[in-house]
Amino acid sequence: NIIEKVTAHKLQTRALDEAAMGNVVAATQKLRAAATRLLDMGETELAQTALREAERLERGGQMSAAGTKKLRYETRKLTQKLDDVPEVNG
């Protein structure tokens, strides 16, 4: 679903912003919400990354560089796939 992909991307983007500002609670909530959406879409590996990063934040207050990079670029890739879908005129 297009809306779920965009929502997951926005949630993780906001989570990364919250984490950068030191808002751990807000960041973990958004990461967990993104993980739920990703699981619903069948993006299991990406969802697990989001959950791991949420746990990392809760434990130490920081996300890993690798996890951050994966979330940022892989969720963006989900939304970029939408550009490849031909429009239906009708």
PDB file of N, CA and C in Angstrom:
ATOM      1  N   ASN A   1       0.840  -1.178   0.000  1.00  0.00           N
ATOM      2  CA  ASN A   1       0.000   0.000   0.000  1.00  0.00           C
ATOM      3  C   ASN A   1       0.888   1.246   0.000  1.00  0.00           C
ATOM      4  N   ILE A   2       0.595   2.141  -0.889  1.00  0.00           N
ATOM      5  CA  ILE A   2       1.401   3.346  -1.058  1.00  0.00           C
ATOM      6  C   ILE A   2       1.412   4.192   0.213  1.00  0.00           C
ATOM      7  N   ILE A   3       0.262   4.353   0.819  1.00  0.00           N
ATOM      8  CA  ILE A   3       0.162   5.193   2.013  1.00  0.00           C
ATOM      9  C   ILE A   3       0.996   4.617   3.151  1.00  0.00           C
ATOM     10  N   GLU A   4       0.979   3.300   3.317  1.00  0.00           N
ATOM     11  CA  GLU A   4       1.772   2.673   4.380  1.00  0.00           C
ATOM     12  C   GLU A   4       3.266   2.888   4.162  1.00  0.00           C
ATOM     13  N   LYS A   5       3.707   2.814   2.914  1.00  0.00           N
ATOM     14  CA  LYS A   5       5.127   3.013   2.616  1.00  0.00           C
ATOM     15  C   LYS A   5       5.558   4.434   2.950  1.00  0.00           C
ATOM     16  N   VAL A   6       4.745   5.384   2.546  1.00  0.00           N
ATOM     17  CA  VAL A   6       5.064   6.786   2.832  1.00  0.00           C
ATOM     18  C   VAL A   6       5.018   7.038   4.337  1.00  0.00           C
ATOM     19  N   THR A   7       4.023   6.468   5.001  1.00  0.00           N
ATOM     20  CA  THR A   7       3.892   6.645   6.449  1.00  0.00           C
ATOM     21  C   THR A   7       5.091   6.055   7.183  1.00  0.00           C
ATOM     22  N   ALA A   8       5.508   4.861   6.790  1.00  0.00           N
ATOM     23  CA  ALA A   8       6.672   4.230   7.422  1.00  0.00           C
ATOM     24  C   ALA A   8       7.912   5.094   7.231  1.00  0.00           C
ATOM     25  N   HIS A   9       8.078   5.626   6.034  1.00  0.00           N
ATOM     26  CA  HIS A   9       9.230   6.491   5.755  1.00  0.00           C
ATOM     27  C   HIS A   9       9.182   7.751   6.622  1.00  0.00           C
ATOM     28  N   LYS A  10       8.022   8.378   6.707  1.00  0.00           N
ATOM     29  CA  LYS A  10       7.892   9.599   7.513  1.00  0.00           C
ATOM     30  C   LYS A  10       8.128   9.312   8.992  1.00  0.00           C
ATOM     31  N   LEU A  11       7.594   8.198   9.475  1.00  0.00           N
ATOM     32  CA  LEU A  11       7.780   7.853  10.888  1.00  0.00           C
ATOM     33  C   LEU A  11       9.253   7.666  11.224  1.00  0.00           C
ATOM     34  N   GLN A  12       9.961   6.926  10.388  1.00  0.00           N
ATOM     35  CA  GLN A  12      11.371   6.691  10.706  1.00  0.00           C
ATOM     36  C   GLN A  12      12.174   7.968  10.554  1.00  0.00           C
ATOM     37  N   THR A  13      11.820   8.819   9.595  1.00  0.00           N
ATOM     38  CA  THR A  13      12.524  10.095   9.428  1.00  0.00           C
ATOM     39  C   THR A  13      12.328  10.965  10.665  1.00  0.00           C
ATOM     40  N   ARG A  14      11.095  11.023  11.137  1.00  0.00           N
ATOM     41  CA  ARG A  14      10.814  11.799  12.356  1.00  0.00           C
ATOM     42  C   ARG A  14      11.506  11.185  13.567  1.00  0.00           C
ATOM     43  N   ALA A  15      11.567   9.860  13.599  1.00  0.00           N
ATOM     44  CA  ALA A  15      12.249   9.187  14.709  1.00  0.00           C
ATOM     45  C   ALA A  15      13.728   9.559  14.732  1.00  0.00           C
ATOM     46  N   LEU A  16      14.356   9.582  13.567  1.00  0.00           N
ATOM     47  CA  LEU A  16      15.770   9.957  13.500  1.00  0.00           C
ATOM     48  C   LEU A  16      15.965  11.405  13.942  1.00  0.00           C
ATOM     49  N   ASP A  17      15.042  12.272  13.547  1.00  0.00           N
ATOM     50  CA  ASP A  17      15.113  13.674  13.976  1.00  0.00           C
ATOM     51  C   ASP A  17      14.960  13.787  15.492  1.00  0.00           C
ATOM     52  N   GLU A  18      13.997  13.055  16.039  1.00  0.00           N
ATOM     53  CA  GLU A  18      13.773  13.075  17.491  1.00  0.00           C
ATOM     54  C   GLU A  18      15.010  12.567  18.229  1.00  0.00           C
ATOM     55  N   ALA A  19      15.592  11.493  17.718  1.00  0.00           N
ATOM     56  CA  ALA A  19      16.786  10.927  18.350  1.00  0.00           C
ATOM     57  C   ALA A  19      17.933  11.938  18.323  1.00  0.00           C
ATOM     58  N   ALA A  20      18.076  12.627  17.204  1.00  0.00           N
ATOM     59  CA  ALA A  20      19.144  13.624  17.080  1.00  0.00           C
ATOM     60  C   ALA A  20      18.965  14.768  18.076  1.00  0.00           C
ATOM     61  N   MET A  21      17.712  15.059  18.416  1.00  0.00           N
ATOM     62  CA  MET A  21      17.426  16.129  19.379  1.00  0.00           C
ATOM     63  C   MET A  21      17.456  15.630  20.821  1.00  0.00           C
ATOM     64  N   GLY A  22      17.657  14.317  20.993  1.00  0.00           N
ATOM     65  CA  GLY A  22      17.718  13.757  22.331  1.00  0.00           C
ATOM     66  C   GLY A  22      16.375  13.349  22.907  1.00  0.00           C
ATOM     67  N   ASN A  23      15.337  13.349  22.085  1.00  0.00           N
ATOM     68  CA  ASN A  23      13.998  12.949  22.536  1.00  0.00           C
ATOM     69  C   ASN A  23      13.840  11.438  22.371  1.00  0.00           C
ATOM     70  N   VAL A  24      14.417  10.702  23.297  1.00  0.00           N
ATOM     71  CA  VAL A  24      14.469   9.245  23.194  1.00  0.00           C
ATOM     72  C   VAL A  24      13.082   8.617  23.198  1.00  0.00           C
ATOM     73  N   VAL A  25      12.205   9.071  24.078  1.00  0.00           N
ATOM     74  CA  VAL A  25      10.864   8.474  24.174  1.00  0.00           C
ATOM     75  C   VAL A  25      10.104   8.640  22.861  1.00  0.00           C
ATOM     76  N   ALA A  26      10.098   9.847  22.322  1.00  0.00           N
ATOM     77  CA  ALA A  26       9.392  10.105  21.062  1.00  0.00           C
ATOM     78  C   ALA A  26      10.020   9.308  19.919  1.00  0.00           C
ATOM     79  N   ALA A  27      11.338   9.239  19.904  1.00  0.00           N
ATOM     80  CA  ALA A  27      12.030   8.513  18.839  1.00  0.00           C
ATOM     81  C   ALA A  27      11.699   7.021  18.882  1.00  0.00           C
ATOM     82  N   THR A  28      11.715   6.435  20.074  1.00  0.00           N
ATOM     83  CA  THR A  28      11.426   4.999  20.169  1.00  0.00           C
ATOM     84  C   THR A  28       9.973   4.706  19.810  1.00  0.00           C
ATOM     85  N   GLN A  29       9.064   5.582  20.190  1.00  0.00           N
ATOM     86  CA  GLN A  29       7.654   5.385  19.825  1.00  0.00           C
ATOM     87  C   GLN A  29       7.492   5.384  18.309  1.00  0.00           C
ATOM     88  N   LYS A  30       8.137   6.316  17.652  1.00  0.00           N
ATOM     89  CA  LYS A  30       8.027   6.407  16.193  1.00  0.00           C
ATOM     90  C   LYS A  30       8.714   5.228  15.506  1.00  0.00           C
ATOM     91  N   LEU A  31       9.838   4.795  16.041  1.00  0.00           N
ATOM     92  CA  LEU A  31      10.517   3.631  15.463  1.00  0.00           C
ATOM     93  C   LEU A  31       9.659   2.380  15.590  1.00  0.00           C
ATOM     94  N   ARG A  32       9.024   2.209  16.733  1.00  0.00           N
ATOM     95  CA  ARG A  32       8.158   1.036  16.920  1.00  0.00           C
ATOM     96  C   ARG A  32       6.931   1.105  16.008  1.00  0.00           C
ATOM     97  N   ALA A  33       6.380   2.294  15.834  1.00  0.00           N
ATOM     98  CA  ALA A  33       5.237   2.456  14.927  1.00  0.00           C
ATOM     99  C   ALA A  33       5.660   2.164  13.484  1.00  0.00           C
ATOM    100  N   ALA A  34       6.843   2.638  13.110  1.00  0.00           N
ATOM    101  CA  ALA A  34       7.357   2.359  11.765  1.00  0.00           C
ATOM    102  C   ALA A  34       7.572   0.858  11.591  1.00  0.00           C
ATOM    103  N   ALA A  35       8.097   0.208  12.621  1.00  0.00           N
ATOM    104  CA  ALA A  35       8.332  -1.238  12.555  1.00  0.00           C
ATOM    105  C   ALA A  35       7.024  -1.995  12.335  1.00  0.00           C
ATOM    106  N   THR A  36       5.977  -1.576  13.005  1.00  0.00           N
ATOM    107  CA  THR A  36       4.670  -2.217  12.836  1.00  0.00           C
ATOM    108  C   THR A  36       4.197  -2.086  11.399  1.00  0.00           C
ATOM    109  N   ARG A  37       4.324  -0.902  10.848  1.00  0.00           N
ATOM    110  CA  ARG A  37       3.902  -0.684   9.456  1.00  0.00           C
ATOM    111  C   ARG A  37       4.762  -1.510   8.493  1.00  0.00           C
ATOM    112  N   LEU A  38       6.054  -1.539   8.757  1.00  0.00           N
ATOM    113  CA  LEU A  38       6.953  -2.310   7.898  1.00  0.00           C
ATOM    114  C   LEU A  38       6.622  -3.797   7.952  1.00  0.00           C
ATOM    115  N   LEU A  39       6.317  -4.301   9.137  1.00  0.00           N
ATOM    116  CA  LEU A  39       5.911  -5.708   9.263  1.00  0.00           C
ATOM    117  C   LEU A  39       4.636  -5.976   8.477  1.00  0.00           C
ATOM    118  N   ASP A  40       3.686  -5.060   8.569  1.00  0.00           N
ATOM    119  CA  ASP A  40       2.429  -5.206   7.837  1.00  0.00           C
ATOM    120  C   ASP A  40       2.653  -5.267   6.328  1.00  0.00           C
ATOM    121  N   MET A  41       3.719  -4.613   5.862  1.00  0.00           N
ATOM    122  CA  MET A  41       4.029  -4.595   4.431  1.00  0.00           C
ATOM    123  C   MET A  41       4.911  -5.775   4.016  1.00  0.00           C
ATOM    124  N   GLY A  42       5.329  -6.576   4.992  1.00  0.00           N
ATOM    125  CA  GLY A  42       6.191  -7.706   4.677  1.00  0.00           C
ATOM    126  C   GLY A  42       7.673  -7.366   4.677  1.00  0.00           C
ATOM    127  N   GLU A  43       8.026  -6.180   5.144  1.00  0.00           N
ATOM    128  CA  GLU A  43       9.428  -5.742   5.207  1.00  0.00           C
ATOM    129  C   GLU A  43      10.012  -6.145   6.563  1.00  0.00           C
ATOM    130  N   THR A  44      10.136  -7.450   6.770  1.00  0.00           N
ATOM    131  CA  THR A  44      10.517  -7.997   8.068  1.00  0.00           C
ATOM    132  C   THR A  44      11.902  -7.544   8.522  1.00  0.00           C
ATOM    133  N   GLU A  45      12.871  -7.608   7.641  1.00  0.00           N
ATOM    134  CA  GLU A  45      14.241  -7.250   8.015  1.00  0.00           C
ATOM    135  C   GLU A  45      14.345  -5.779   8.426  1.00  0.00           C
ATOM    136  N   LEU A  46      13.685  -4.932   7.676  1.00  0.00           N
ATOM    137  CA  LEU A  46      13.701  -3.504   7.984  1.00  0.00           C
ATOM    138  C   LEU A  46      12.963  -3.221   9.295  1.00  0.00           C
ATOM    139  N   ALA A  47      11.873  -3.937   9.520  1.00  0.00           N
ATOM    140  CA  ALA A  47      11.124  -3.793  10.774  1.00  0.00           C
ATOM    141  C   ALA A  47      11.992  -4.211  11.959  1.00  0.00           C
ATOM    142  N   GLN A  48      12.727  -5.296  11.801  1.00  0.00           N
ATOM    143  CA  GLN A  48      13.611  -5.755  12.878  1.00  0.00           C
ATOM    144  C   GLN A  48      14.706  -4.729  13.155  1.00  0.00           C
ATOM    145  N   THR A  49      15.206  -4.097  12.113  1.00  0.00           N
ATOM    146  CA  THR A  49      16.212  -3.049  12.298  1.00  0.00           C
ATOM    147  C   THR A  49      15.629  -1.897  13.108  1.00  0.00           C
ATOM    148  N   ALA A  50      14.412  -1.493  12.780  1.00  0.00           N
ATOM    149  CA  ALA A  50      13.763  -0.401  13.512  1.00  0.00           C
ATOM    150  C   ALA A  50      13.588  -0.764  14.987  1.00  0.00           C
ATOM    151  N   LEU A  51      13.177  -1.994  15.251  1.00  0.00           N
ATOM    152  CA  LEU A  51      12.992  -2.430  16.641  1.00  0.00           C
ATOM    153  C   LEU A  51      14.319  -2.492  17.396  1.00  0.00           C
ATOM    154  N   ARG A  52      15.355  -2.993  16.728  1.00  0.00           N
ATOM    155  CA  ARG A  52      16.684  -3.042  17.362  1.00  0.00           C
ATOM    156  C   ARG A  52      17.178  -1.640  17.701  1.00  0.00           C
ATOM    157  N   GLU A  53      16.959  -0.711  16.792  1.00  0.00           N
ATOM    158  CA  GLU A  53      17.414   0.656  17.035  1.00  0.00           C
ATOM    159  C   GLU A  53      16.607   1.312  18.156  1.00  0.00           C
ATOM    160  N   ALA A  54      15.328   0.982  18.250  1.00  0.00           N
ATOM    161  CA  ALA A  54      14.509   1.500  19.358  1.00  0.00           C
ATOM    162  C   ALA A  54      15.057   0.982  20.687  1.00  0.00           C
ATOM    163  N   GLU A  55      15.402  -0.302  20.726  1.00  0.00           N
ATOM    164  CA  GLU A  55      15.972  -0.882  21.948  1.00  0.00           C
ATOM    165  C   GLU A  55      17.318  -0.245  22.283  1.00  0.00           C
ATOM    166  N   ARG A  56      18.119  -0.009  21.262  1.00  0.00           N
ATOM    167  CA  ARG A  56      19.421   0.635  21.449  1.00  0.00           C
ATOM    168  C   ARG A  56      19.255   2.030  22.065  1.00  0.00           C
ATOM    169  N   LEU A  57      18.284   2.754  21.542  1.00  0.00           N
ATOM    170  CA  LEU A  57      18.003   4.096  22.063  1.00  0.00           C
ATOM    171  C   LEU A  57      17.597   4.043  23.528  1.00  0.00           C
ATOM    172  N   GLU A  58      16.721   3.097  23.846  1.00  0.00           N
ATOM    173  CA  GLU A  58      16.251   2.975  25.227  1.00  0.00           C
ATOM    174  C   GLU A  58      17.384   2.619  26.179  1.00  0.00           C
ATOM    175  N   ARG A  59      18.281   1.770  25.726  1.00  0.00           N
ATOM    176  CA  ARG A  59      19.389   1.336  26.588  1.00  0.00           C
ATOM    177  C   ARG A  59      20.485   2.384  26.726  1.00  0.00           C
ATOM    178  N   GLY A  60      20.874   2.965  25.590  1.00  0.00           N
ATOM    179  CA  GLY A  60      22.044   3.835  25.639  1.00  0.00           C
ATOM    180  C   GLY A  60      21.839   5.245  25.142  1.00  0.00           C
ATOM    181  N   GLY A  61      20.651   5.539  24.659  1.00  0.00           N
ATOM    182  CA  GLY A  61      20.381   6.890  24.194  1.00  0.00           C
ATOM    183  C   GLY A  61      20.890   7.212  22.806  1.00  0.00           C
ATOM    184  N   GLN A  62      21.437   6.205  22.101  1.00  0.00           N
ATOM    185  CA  GLN A  62      21.938   6.441  20.750  1.00  0.00           C
ATOM    186  C   GLN A  62      21.612   5.277  19.837  1.00  0.00           C
ATOM    187  N   MET A  63      21.434   5.617  18.564  1.00  0.00           N
ATOM    188  CA  MET A  63      21.233   4.593  17.550  1.00  0.00           C
ATOM    189  C   MET A  63      22.587   4.277  16.922  1.00  0.00           C
ATOM    190  N   SER A  64      22.692   3.098  16.318  1.00  0.00           N
ATOM    191  CA  SER A  64      23.941   2.752  15.642  1.00  0.00           C
ATOM    192  C   SER A  64      24.001   3.455  14.291  1.00  0.00           C
ATOM    193  N   ALA A  65      25.198   3.715  13.833  1.00  0.00           N
ATOM    194  CA  ALA A  65      25.371   4.358  12.528  1.00  0.00           C
ATOM    195  C   ALA A  65      24.825   3.465  11.417  1.00  0.00           C
ATOM    196  N   ALA A  66      25.096   2.170  11.517  1.00  0.00           N
ATOM    197  CA  ALA A  66      24.641   1.236  10.482  1.00  0.00           C
ATOM    198  C   ALA A  66      23.115   1.144  10.456  1.00  0.00           C
ATOM    199  N   GLY A  67      22.505   1.079  11.634  1.00  0.00           N
ATOM    200  CA  GLY A  67      21.046   0.994  11.706  1.00  0.00           C
ATOM    201  C   GLY A  67      20.381   2.253  11.191  1.00  0.00           C
ATOM    202  N   THR A  68      20.947   3.389  11.554  1.00  0.00           N
ATOM    203  CA  THR A  68      20.417   4.670  11.091  1.00  0.00           C
ATOM    204  C   THR A  68      20.480   4.757   9.575  1.00  0.00           C
ATOM    205  N   LYS A  69      21.620   4.382   9.030  1.00  0.00           N
ATOM    206  CA  LYS A  69      21.813   4.433   7.579  1.00  0.00           C
ATOM    207  C   LYS A  69      20.837   3.497   6.868  1.00  0.00           C
ATOM    208  N   LYS A  70      20.705   2.289   7.392  1.00  0.00           N
ATOM    209  CA  LYS A  70      19.810   1.319   6.764  1.00  0.00           C
ATOM    210  C   LYS A  70      18.370   1.824   6.769  1.00  0.00           C
ATOM    211  N   LEU A  71      17.919   2.320   7.912  1.00  0.00           N
ATOM    212  CA  LEU A  71      16.548   2.821   7.992  1.00  0.00           C
ATOM    213  C   LEU A  71      16.334   3.993   7.046  1.00  0.00           C
ATOM    214  N   ARG A  72      17.265   4.922   7.060  1.00  0.00           N
ATOM    215  CA  ARG A  72      17.118   6.116   6.228  1.00  0.00           C
ATOM    216  C   ARG A  72      17.017   5.757   4.745  1.00  0.00           C
ATOM    217  N   TYR A  73      17.931   4.934   4.271  1.00  0.00           N
ATOM    218  CA  TYR A  73      17.991   4.675   2.835  1.00  0.00           C
ATOM    219  C   TYR A  73      17.042   3.585   2.366  1.00  0.00           C
ATOM    220  N   GLU A  74      16.818   2.572   3.181  1.00  0.00           N
ATOM    221  CA  GLU A  74      15.921   1.493   2.758  1.00  0.00           C
ATOM    222  C   GLU A  74      14.455   1.930   2.768  1.00  0.00           C
ATOM    223  N   THR A  75      14.063   2.749   3.746  1.00  0.00           N
ATOM    224  CA  THR A  75      12.670   3.217   3.715  1.00  0.00           C
ATOM    225  C   THR A  75      12.482   4.242   2.603  1.00  0.00           C
ATOM    226  N   ARG A  76      13.509   5.021   2.321  1.00  0.00           N
ATOM    227  CA  ARG A  76      13.418   5.952   1.192  1.00  0.00           C
ATOM    228  C   ARG A  76      13.268   5.166  -0.103  1.00  0.00           C
ATOM    229  N   LYS A  77      14.003   4.060  -0.193  1.00  0.00           N
ATOM    230  CA  LYS A  77      13.930   3.218  -1.387  1.00  0.00           C
ATOM    231  C   LYS A  77      12.507   2.684  -1.594  1.00  0.00           C
ATOM    232  N   LEU A  78      11.815   2.382  -0.502  1.00  0.00           N
ATOM    233  CA  LEU A  78      10.427   1.920  -0.614  1.00  0.00           C
ATOM    234  C   LEU A  78       9.563   2.966  -1.303  1.00  0.00           C
ATOM    235  N   THR A  79       9.759   4.222  -0.943  1.00  0.00           N
ATOM    236  CA  THR A  79       8.938   5.274  -1.539  1.00  0.00           C
ATOM    237  C   THR A  79       9.395   5.589  -2.955  1.00  0.00           C
ATOM    238  N   GLN A  80      10.662   5.387  -3.263  1.00  0.00           N
ATOM    239  CA  GLN A  80      11.148   5.648  -4.616  1.00  0.00           C
ATOM    240  C   GLN A  80      10.614   4.622  -5.599  1.00  0.00           C
ATOM    241  N   LYS A  81      10.322   3.428  -5.121  1.00  0.00           N
ATOM    242  CA  LYS A  81       9.733   2.410  -5.985  1.00  0.00           C
ATOM    243  C   LYS A  81       8.386   2.877  -6.518  1.00  0.00           C
ATOM    244  N   LEU A  82       7.754   3.784  -5.790  1.00  0.00           N
ATOM    245  CA  LEU A  82       6.456   4.292  -6.208  1.00  0.00           C
ATOM    246  C   LEU A  82       6.569   5.094  -7.500  1.00  0.00           C
ATOM    247  N   ASP A  83       7.723   5.716  -7.721  1.00  0.00           N
ATOM    248  CA  ASP A  83       7.927   6.499  -8.937  1.00  0.00           C
ATOM    249  C   ASP A  83       7.951   5.613 -10.179  1.00  0.00           C
ATOM    250  N   ASP A  84       8.257   4.334  -9.992  1.00  0.00           N
ATOM    251  CA  ASP A  84       8.347   3.412 -11.117  1.00  0.00           C
ATOM    252  C   ASP A  84       6.995   2.837 -11.525  1.00  0.00           C
ATOM    253  N   VAL A  85       5.978   3.072 -10.706  1.00  0.00           N
ATOM    254  CA  VAL A  85       4.653   2.526 -10.990  1.00  0.00           C
ATOM    255  C   VAL A  85       3.970   3.414 -12.027  1.00  0.00           C
ATOM    256  N   PRO A  86       3.538   2.824 -13.143  1.00  0.00           N
ATOM    257  CA  PRO A  86       2.878   3.646 -14.166  1.00  0.00           C
ATOM    258  C   PRO A  86       1.518   4.142 -13.674  1.00  0.00           C
ATOM    259  N   GLU A  87       1.181   5.345 -14.089  1.00  0.00           N
ATOM    260  CA  GLU A  87      -0.114   5.903 -13.709  1.00  0.00           C
ATOM    261  C   GLU A  87      -1.204   5.252 -14.536  1.00  0.00           C
ATOM    262  N   VAL A  88      -2.360   5.097 -13.919  1.00  0.00           N
ATOM    263  CA  VAL A  88      -3.505   4.520 -14.608  1.00  0.00           C
ATOM    264  C   VAL A  88      -4.457   5.657 -14.944  1.00  0.00           C
ATOM    265  N   ASN A  89      -4.728   5.827 -16.204  1.00  0.00           N
ATOM    266  CA  ASN A  89      -5.673   6.863 -16.623  1.00  0.00           C
ATOM    267  C   ASN A  89      -7.060   6.258 -16.692  1.00  0.00           C
ATOM    268  N   GLY A  90      -7.987   6.945 -16.122  1.00  0.00           N
ATOM    269  CA  GLY A  90      -9.283   6.321 -16.186  1.00  0.00           C
ATOM    270  C   GLY A  90     -10.338   7.192 -15.733  1.00  0.00           C
TER     271      GLY A  90
END
